[in-house]
């Protein structure tokens, strides 16, 4: 597959800048990109003209407001595209399906689908939040992060299995199964997909279903 070299360099520059909380100098950016400093200056100037980056008083390059605008538009587009995947998951498991995202040290529900015709299902609302280290959704997100010696056993197990299972952590009698959704580096989104039910959930079948849904959502994020 052929690519446009200049565009590729610009996007790579954005990725590098996004991973530099304190900003980055043009010289260091040029070194990371393995290009001449003069070319790097032109790339930065182009990104700057679209408000994607800014040059601070100290000369370091940081993300600009334009990047925040694009980021704010991403979640609604992702939610729209993910709807069919989540509906399929709810029907396949006959349980309430959801997508959750990390925000600070909390896990927030951003999308929900309920199974049609089910006599009983868990009511889960968009906007519900809970600590990131409690509940299957948050644990699945933590399992995608780099290993840390301080990781609790639940996170270590989820990393090994590829999914997390919790019982009664957020609601008495509720069983949750979730898998992390791998997003491209620099996307700024950490999320998971899962299902929750009060009774009758086949955990093994649900685990396969949420992993399949996670793979489909990951494709949506990378296409």
Foldseek 3Di string as FASTA:
>chain_A
DDDDVLVVLLVVLLLVQLPDVVAAALVVSCVVSVHDSVSSVVSLVVCVVQQQWDQDPVRGIHGGVSVVVVLVVPLVVLQVVLVVLQQVLCQQFVEKKFKWWDDPQKIFTQHIDHHPPRPDYDDDDGGDMDGLVFDFWSLQLLLPDDDDPPDDPQNVVCVVVQKGWDACRVHHQKIKIKGWADADRSSPITMIMIGMGNDDGPRVSRNVSRSVSSPVSNVVRVD
